[in-house]
Protein backbone atom coordinates (compact mmCIF):
# COMPACT_ATOMS: atom_id res chain seq x y z
CA MET A 1 63.02 126.48 105.47
CA SER A 2 63.52 126.38 101.73
CA VAL A 3 66.11 124.65 99.57
CA ARG A 4 66.55 125.81 96.02
CA HIS A 5 65.42 123.42 93.32
CA VAL A 6 68.86 122.32 92.14
CA ALA A 7 69.83 118.84 91.01
CA GLY A 8 71.71 117.22 93.86
CA ALA A 9 70.35 119.53 96.58
CA ARG A 10 69.91 117.60 99.82
CA VAL A 11 68.24 118.06 103.19
CA LEU A 12 69.23 115.89 106.14
CA PHE A 13 66.56 115.15 108.74
CA ARG A 14 66.86 113.81 112.28
CA GLY A 15 63.64 112.82 114.01
CA GLY A 16 61.64 114.54 111.25
CA VAL A 17 63.43 117.86 111.80
CA PRO A 18 65.75 119.27 109.10
CA ILE A 19 69.26 119.65 110.56
CA ALA A 20 71.42 120.44 107.52
CA THR A 21 71.29 121.19 103.80
CA SER A 22 73.72 120.80 100.95
CA VAL A 23 73.30 122.75 97.72
CA ARG A 24 76.01 122.60 95.07
CA GLY A 25 78.48 121.32 97.64
CA GLN A 26 77.83 124.12 100.14
CA MET A 27 76.71 122.65 103.46
CA GLU A 28 74.63 124.67 105.91
CA THR A 29 73.70 123.44 109.38
CA LEU A 30 70.28 124.42 110.68
CA VAL A 31 70.84 123.40 114.31
CA ALA A 32 73.81 123.45 116.67
CA LEU A 33 75.97 120.35 116.23
CA ASP A 34 78.96 119.16 118.22
CA PRO A 35 82.11 118.21 116.24
CA ALA A 36 81.28 114.48 116.21
CA GLU A 37 77.74 115.13 114.92
CA LEU A 38 79.09 117.54 112.32
CA ALA A 39 81.42 114.86 110.95
CA VAL A 40 78.48 112.42 110.64
CA VAL A 41 76.34 115.06 108.95
CA ARG A 42 79.08 115.93 106.44
CA ARG A 43 79.49 112.25 105.60
CA ALA A 44 75.75 111.69 105.27
CA LEU A 45 75.35 114.65 102.90
CA SER A 46 78.24 113.44 100.76
CA LEU A 47 76.90 109.88 100.39
CA ASP A 48 74.81 108.48 97.59
CA PRO A 49 71.18 109.67 97.73
CA ALA A 50 70.05 106.09 98.42
CA TRP A 51 71.40 106.58 101.99
CA ARG A 52 68.49 108.72 103.12
CA PHE A 53 68.20 108.46 106.88
CA LEU A 54 70.63 109.40 109.61
CA ARG A 55 70.11 106.75 112.25
CA GLU A 56 70.39 107.56 115.94
CA PRO A 57 72.86 105.34 117.82
CA ALA A 58 71.09 102.58 119.77
């Protein structure tokens, strides 16, 4: 997997595995996600870069 070197490009990982990318506002999922997971992923990719990890529910 490769993400272009663009300011603001993001990769979201779950359990060490990349699950989605966002480059210039275009989101791409890399694994199948149900609608609830997709909403969480969209939110995570739109948040400030300081929010780096998508936590699994306990």
